[in-house]
Amino acid sequence: METTTERSPALQGVAFGVSIVSFFALGWLGWGTGGHLPTAAQICLVVAAALLSVALAAVAWRRWFTTRTPPPVADTSRRMSGRTFGLIIGVEWIGLGVVSGVLGGTGHTDQIAAVICAGVGLHFIPLAKLFGVRAYYVTAAVMCLLAVLTFILAPSTPALWTMLPGIGSAVTLYATCVALLRWRPDQSRS
């Protein structure tokens, strides 16, 4: 009897994750370097980061496309995972939008990047549980630490209000992409 195989839904999730996370890493890098580097240097850095983002996503999608696994026993949890993911992202975006609006409205625009960094970090905690990706706990901790460090260090060096959370988050998110590419979902689901 021949065993049928199909593309892994978990690896498809990894491919989506790497694509999304690498896109946001690029955005964080742009935010963290904007206005702090000569224009030509920033353009070169952002182009290099964009190429890195595309390469990471391409590797993730190729892995999904070329890897065959036995079909899952039951796939009833995928719809609930999608809804839960949407809820987590919706709460994150609404919360960060409100907080950013309050900070902007009260004249504390310099703190927005650090607060968003903390909020993005916190959203990785329920995602870690939802998708069984332990690396997301590390991502959450590092991004929250970056936010705390920004509040400690930036008052004496105003450029750090965007540089530290921006560049730090970009590096953290790119490292998360690498961790996702190394992750073996069939061996670590909790």
C-alpha atoms as a PDB file:
ATOM      1  CA  MET A   1       0.000   0.000   0.000  1.00  0.00           C
ATOM      2  CA  GLU A   2       1.399   3.358  -1.011  1.00  0.00           C
ATOM      3  CA  THR A   3       1.514   6.157   1.566  1.00  0.00           C
ATOM      4  CA  THR A   4       0.279   9.487   0.279  1.00  0.00           C
ATOM      5  CA  THR A   5       2.094  12.651   1.193  1.00  0.00           C
ATOM      6  CA  GLU A   6       1.260  16.305   0.958  1.00  0.00           C
ATOM      7  CA  ARG A   7       2.784  19.661   1.701  1.00  0.00           C
ATOM      8  CA  SER A   8       3.001  20.314   5.408  1.00  0.00           C
ATOM      9  CA  PRO A   9       0.509  22.853   6.817  1.00  0.00           C
ATOM     10  CA  ALA A  10       3.014  23.561   9.608  1.00  0.00           C
ATOM     11  CA  LEU A  11       5.750  24.398   7.097  1.00  0.00           C
ATOM     12  CA  GLN A  12       3.276  26.574   5.244  1.00  0.00           C
ATOM     13  CA  GLY A  13       2.749  28.383   8.541  1.00  0.00           C
ATOM     14  CA  VAL A  14       6.513  28.768   8.893  1.00  0.00           C
ATOM     15  CA  ALA A  15       6.689  30.219   5.376  1.00  0.00           C
ATOM     16  CA  PHE A  16       3.936  32.718   6.160  1.00  0.00           C
ATOM     17  CA  GLY A  17       5.625  33.525   9.485  1.00  0.00           C
ATOM     18  CA  VAL A  18       9.033  34.146   7.931  1.00  0.00           C
ATOM     19  CA  SER A  19       7.462  36.280   5.192  1.00  0.00           C
ATOM     20  CA  ILE A  20       5.564  38.436   7.681  1.00  0.00           C
ATOM     21  CA  VAL A  21       8.332  38.693  10.286  1.00  0.00           C
ATOM     22  CA  SER A  22      11.016  39.554   7.702  1.00  0.00           C
ATOM     23  CA  PHE A  23       8.759  42.259   6.228  1.00  0.00           C
ATOM     24  CA  PHE A  24       8.327  43.831   9.667  1.00  0.00           C
ATOM     25  CA  ALA A  25      12.069  43.510  10.354  1.00  0.00           C
ATOM     26  CA  LEU A  26      12.644  45.614   7.251  1.00  0.00           C
ATOM     27  CA  GLY A  27      10.136  48.188   8.503  1.00  0.00           C
ATOM     28  CA  TRP A  28      11.773  48.351  11.934  1.00  0.00           C
ATOM     29  CA  LEU A  29      15.183  48.839  10.337  1.00  0.00           C
ATOM     30  CA  GLY A  30      13.857  51.732   8.282  1.00  0.00           C
ATOM     31  CA  TRP A  31      12.305  53.303  11.377  1.00  0.00           C
ATOM     32  CA  GLY A  32      15.448  52.825  13.440  1.00  0.00           C
ATOM     33  CA  THR A  33      17.812  54.296  10.867  1.00  0.00           C
ATOM     34  CA  GLY A  34      15.565  56.982   9.400  1.00  0.00           C
ATOM     35  CA  GLY A  35      17.100  60.406   9.892  1.00  0.00           C
ATOM     36  CA  HIS A  36      20.154  58.961  11.626  1.00  0.00           C
ATOM     37  CA  LEU A  37      22.212  57.926   8.596  1.00  0.00           C
ATOM     38  CA  PRO A  38      23.233  59.765   5.451  1.00  0.00           C
ATOM     39  CA  THR A  39      20.628  59.117   2.764  1.00  0.00           C
ATOM     40  CA  ALA A  40      22.908  56.981   0.566  1.00  0.00           C
ATOM     41  CA  ALA A  41      23.931  54.798   3.513  1.00  0.00           C
ATOM     42  CA  GLN A  42      20.336  54.282   4.591  1.00  0.00           C
ATOM     43  CA  ILE A  43      19.275  53.407   1.058  1.00  0.00           C
ATOM     44  CA  CYS A  44      22.058  50.806   0.800  1.00  0.00           C
ATOM     45  CA  LEU A  45      21.182  49.349   4.209  1.00  0.00           C
ATOM     46  CA  VAL A  46      17.463  49.171   3.474  1.00  0.00           C
ATOM     47  CA  VAL A  47      18.049  47.624   0.027  1.00  0.00           C
ATOM     48  CA  ALA A  48      20.331  45.001   1.605  1.00  0.00           C
ATOM     49  CA  ALA A  49      17.697  44.309   4.274  1.00  0.00           C
ATOM     50  CA  ALA A  50      14.979  44.045   1.619  1.00  0.00           C
ATOM     51  CA  LEU A  51      17.078  41.492  -0.256  1.00  0.00           C
ATOM     52  CA  LEU A  52      17.612  39.591   3.010  1.00  0.00           C
ATOM     53  CA  SER A  53      13.857  39.617   3.657  1.00  0.00           C
ATOM     54  CA  VAL A  54      13.127  38.284   0.178  1.00  0.00           C
ATOM     55  CA  ALA A  55      15.822  35.607   0.517  1.00  0.00           C
ATOM     56  CA  LEU A  56      14.514  34.417   3.901  1.00  0.00           C
ATOM     57  CA  ALA A  57      10.951  34.236   2.589  1.00  0.00           C
ATOM     58  CA  ALA A  58      12.103  32.414  -0.554  1.00  0.00           C
ATOM     59  CA  VAL A  59      13.957  29.808   1.504  1.00  0.00           C
ATOM     60  CA  ALA A  60      10.901  29.289   3.717  1.00  0.00           C
ATOM     61  CA  TRP A  61       8.508  28.899   0.772  1.00  0.00           C
ATOM     62  CA  ARG A  62      10.909  26.592  -1.063  1.00  0.00           C
ATOM     63  CA  ARG A  63      11.135  24.424   2.055  1.00  0.00           C
ATOM     64  CA  TRP A  64       7.339  24.173   2.177  1.00  0.00           C
ATOM     65  CA  PHE A  65       7.072  23.509  -1.558  1.00  0.00           C
ATOM     66  CA  THR A  66       9.700  20.736  -1.626  1.00  0.00           C
ATOM     67  CA  THR A  67       8.925  18.965   1.654  1.00  0.00           C
ATOM     68  CA  ARG A  68       6.270  16.278   1.677  1.00  0.00           C
ATOM     69  CA  THR A  69       4.812  14.843   4.857  1.00  0.00           C
ATOM     70  CA  PRO A  70       2.098  12.328   5.685  1.00  0.00           C
ATOM     71  CA  PRO A  71      -1.328  13.972   5.727  1.00  0.00           C
ATOM     72  CA  PRO A  72      -2.504  15.152   9.149  1.00  0.00           C
ATOM     73  CA  VAL A  73      -4.954  12.910  10.989  1.00  0.00           C
ATOM     74  CA  ALA A  74      -7.445  15.726  11.491  1.00  0.00           C
ATOM     75  CA  ASP A  75      -7.178  19.361  10.511  1.00  0.00           C
ATOM     76  CA  THR A  76     -10.071  20.809  12.514  1.00  0.00           C
ATOM     77  CA  SER A  77      -7.815  23.064  14.582  1.00  0.00           C
ATOM     78  CA  ARG A  78      -6.558  25.130  11.586  1.00  0.00           C
ATOM     79  CA  ARG A  79      -9.726  27.203  11.365  1.00  0.00           C
ATOM     80  CA  MET A  80      -9.620  27.945  15.097  1.00  0.00           C
ATOM     81  CA  SER A  81      -5.910  28.796  14.842  1.00  0.00           C
ATOM     82  CA  GLY A  82      -6.695  31.281  12.082  1.00  0.00           C
ATOM     83  CA  ARG A  83      -9.411  32.937  14.135  1.00  0.00           C
ATOM     84  CA  THR A  84      -7.236  33.081  17.231  1.00  0.00           C
ATOM     85  CA  PHE A  85      -4.365  34.521  15.176  1.00  0.00           C
ATOM     86  CA  GLY A  86      -6.701  37.192  13.798  1.00  0.00           C
ATOM     87  CA  LEU A  87      -7.897  38.034  17.294  1.00  0.00           C
ATOM     88  CA  ILE A  88      -4.334  38.345  18.629  1.00  0.00           C
ATOM     89  CA  ILE A  89      -3.287  40.594  15.741  1.00  0.00           C
ATOM     90  CA  GLY A  90      -6.473  42.662  15.969  1.00  0.00           C
ATOM     91  CA  VAL A  91      -6.039  43.297  19.692  1.00  0.00           C
ATOM     92  CA  GLU A  92      -2.373  44.169  19.130  1.00  0.00           C
ATOM     93  CA  TRP A  93      -3.057  46.670  16.343  1.00  0.00           C
ATOM     94  CA  ILE A  94      -6.011  48.320  18.078  1.00  0.00           C
ATOM     95  CA  GLY A  95      -4.122  48.551  21.371  1.00  0.00           C
ATOM     96  CA  LEU A  96      -0.995  49.970  19.770  1.00  0.00           C
ATOM     97  CA  GLY A  97      -3.060  52.384  17.702  1.00  0.00           C
ATOM     98  CA  VAL A  98      -4.823  53.720  20.794  1.00  0.00           C
ATOM     99  CA  VAL A  99      -1.611  53.998  22.818  1.00  0.00           C
ATOM    100  CA  SER A 100       0.215  55.672  19.914  1.00  0.00           C
ATOM    101  CA  GLY A 101      -2.656  58.118  19.538  1.00  0.00           C
ATOM    102  CA  VAL A 102      -2.568  58.962  23.237  1.00  0.00           C
ATOM    103  CA  LEU A 103       1.218  59.401  23.199  1.00  0.00           C
ATOM    104  CA  GLY A 104       1.021  61.560  20.085  1.00  0.00           C
ATOM    105  CA  GLY A 105      -1.865  63.586  21.466  1.00  0.00           C
ATOM    106  CA  THR A 106      -0.056  64.284  24.716  1.00  0.00           C
ATOM    107  CA  GLY A 107       3.208  65.339  23.083  1.00  0.00           C
ATOM    108  CA  HIS A 108       5.162  62.146  23.778  1.00  0.00           C
ATOM    109  CA  THR A 109       5.765  61.093  20.193  1.00  0.00           C
ATOM    110  CA  ASP A 110       9.373  60.180  20.957  1.00  0.00           C
ATOM    111  CA  GLN A 111       8.167  57.249  23.082  1.00  0.00           C
ATOM    112  CA  ILE A 112       5.962  55.662  20.415  1.00  0.00           C
ATOM    113  CA  ALA A 113       8.642  53.366  18.941  1.00  0.00           C
ATOM    114  CA  ALA A 114       9.553  51.948  22.361  1.00  0.00           C
ATOM    115  CA  VAL A 115       5.917  51.350  23.298  1.00  0.00           C
ATOM    116  CA  ILE A 116       5.191  49.679  19.960  1.00  0.00           C
ATOM    117  CA  CYS A 117       8.312  47.541  20.431  1.00  0.00           C
ATOM    118  CA  ALA A 118       6.961  46.347  23.797  1.00  0.00           C
ATOM    119  CA  GLY A 119       3.491  45.716  22.346  1.00  0.00           C
ATOM    120  CA  VAL A 120       4.868  43.751  19.422  1.00  0.00           C
ATOM    121  CA  GLY A 121       7.025  41.772  21.828  1.00  0.00           C
ATOM    122  CA  LEU A 122       4.038  40.964  24.022  1.00  0.00           C
ATOM    123  CA  HIS A 123       1.985  39.740  21.062  1.00  0.00           C
ATOM    124  CA  PHE A 124       4.559  37.004  20.464  1.00  0.00           C
ATOM    125  CA  ILE A 125       3.624  35.352  23.795  1.00  0.00           C
ATOM    126  CA  PRO A 126       0.164  34.134  22.723  1.00  0.00           C
ATOM    127  CA  LEU A 127       1.542  33.371  19.248  1.00  0.00           C
ATOM    128  CA  ALA A 128       4.185  31.111  20.827  1.00  0.00           C
ATOM    129  CA  LYS A 129       1.467  29.130  22.562  1.00  0.00           C
ATOM    130  CA  LEU A 130      -0.884  29.124  19.564  1.00  0.00           C
ATOM    131  CA  PHE A 131       1.691  27.847  17.075  1.00  0.00           C
ATOM    132  CA  GLY A 132       3.948  25.912  19.451  1.00  0.00           C
ATOM    133  CA  VAL A 133       6.982  28.006  18.507  1.00  0.00           C
ATOM    134  CA  ARG A 134       9.187  28.390  21.574  1.00  0.00           C
ATOM    135  CA  ALA A 135      11.463  30.842  19.753  1.00  0.00           C
ATOM    136  CA  TYR A 136       8.627  33.379  19.938  1.00  0.00           C
ATOM    137  CA  TYR A 137       9.057  33.518  23.727  1.00  0.00           C
ATOM    138  CA  VAL A 138      12.654  34.643  23.191  1.00  0.00           C
ATOM    139  CA  THR A 139      11.503  37.184  20.605  1.00  0.00           C
ATOM    140  CA  ALA A 140       8.964  38.524  23.109  1.00  0.00           C
ATOM    141  CA  ALA A 141      11.531  38.802  25.894  1.00  0.00           C
ATOM    142  CA  VAL A 142      14.147  40.524  23.732  1.00  0.00           C
ATOM    143  CA  MET A 143      11.691  43.050  22.290  1.00  0.00           C
ATOM    144  CA  CYS A 144      10.320  43.903  25.729  1.00  0.00           C
ATOM    145  CA  LEU A 145      13.891  44.266  27.016  1.00  0.00           C
ATOM    146  CA  LEU A 146      14.664  46.606  24.104  1.00  0.00           C
ATOM    147  CA  ALA A 147      11.686  48.754  25.101  1.00  0.00           C
ATOM    148  CA  VAL A 148      12.819  48.908  28.734  1.00  0.00           C
ATOM    149  CA  LEU A 149      16.391  49.754  27.697  1.00  0.00           C
ATOM    150  CA  THR A 150      15.056  52.488  25.439  1.00  0.00           C
ATOM    151  CA  PHE A 151      13.189  54.111  28.326  1.00  0.00           C
ATOM    152  CA  ILE A 152      16.339  53.903  30.460  1.00  0.00           C
ATOM    153  CA  LEU A 153      18.890  55.093  27.876  1.00  0.00           C
ATOM    154  CA  ALA A 154      17.002  57.363  25.465  1.00  0.00           C
ATOM    155  CA  PRO A 155      16.263  60.329  27.754  1.00  0.00           C
ATOM    156  CA  SER A 156      19.990  61.191  27.721  1.00  0.00           C
ATOM    157  CA  THR A 157      20.414  60.464  23.980  1.00  0.00           C
ATOM    158  CA  PRO A 158      17.268  61.405  22.011  1.00  0.00           C
ATOM    159  CA  ALA A 159      18.294  59.520  18.843  1.00  0.00           C
ATOM    160  CA  LEU A 160      17.974  56.274  20.816  1.00  0.00           C
ATOM    161  CA  TRP A 161      14.180  56.691  21.017  1.00  0.00           C
ATOM    162  CA  THR A 162      13.964  55.276  17.492  1.00  0.00           C
ATOM    163  CA  MET A 163      17.394  53.729  16.911  1.00  0.00           C
ATOM    164  CA  LEU A 164      17.372  51.246  19.794  1.00  0.00           C
ATOM    165  CA  PRO A 165      13.881  49.795  19.307  1.00  0.00           C
ATOM    166  CA  GLY A 166      14.124  50.069  15.506  1.00  0.00           C
ATOM    167  CA  ILE A 167      17.495  48.470  14.874  1.00  0.00           C
ATOM    168  CA  GLY A 168      17.177  46.137  17.870  1.00  0.00           C
ATOM    169  CA  SER A 169      13.777  44.890  16.716  1.00  0.00           C
ATOM    170  CA  ALA A 170      15.030  44.401  13.165  1.00  0.00           C
ATOM    171  CA  VAL A 171      17.925  42.248  14.369  1.00  0.00           C
ATOM    172  CA  THR A 172      15.617  40.344  16.732  1.00  0.00           C
ATOM    173  CA  LEU A 173      13.042  39.677  14.022  1.00  0.00           C
ATOM    174  CA  TYR A 174      15.652  38.552  11.499  1.00  0.00           C
ATOM    175  CA  ALA A 175      17.053  36.189  14.155  1.00  0.00           C
ATOM    176  CA  THR A 176      13.494  34.929  14.679  1.00  0.00           C
ATOM    177  CA  CYS A 177      13.257  34.199  10.937  1.00  0.00           C
ATOM    178  CA  VAL A 178      16.432  32.129  11.139  1.00  0.00           C
ATOM    179  CA  ALA A 179      15.025  30.270  14.169  1.00  0.00           C
ATOM    180  CA  LEU A 180      11.810  29.570  12.244  1.00  0.00           C
ATOM    181  CA  LEU A 181      13.776  28.198   9.306  1.00  0.00           C
ATOM    182  CA  ARG A 182      15.643  25.852  11.660  1.00  0.00           C
ATOM    183  CA  TRP A 183      12.445  24.831  13.487  1.00  0.00           C
ATOM    184  CA  ARG A 184      11.072  21.336  12.925  1.00  0.00           C
ATOM    185  CA  PRO A 185       7.337  21.608  13.646  1.00  0.00           C
ATOM    186  CA  ASP A 186       6.808  17.845  13.586  1.00  0.00           C
ATOM    187  CA  GLN A 187       9.284  17.443  16.467  1.00  0.00           C
ATOM    188  CA  SER A 188       8.373  20.308  18.803  1.00  0.00           C
ATOM    189  CA  ARG A 189       4.621  20.902  18.966  1.00  0.00           C
ATOM    190  CA  SER A 190       3.626  21.436  22.590  1.00  0.00           C
END
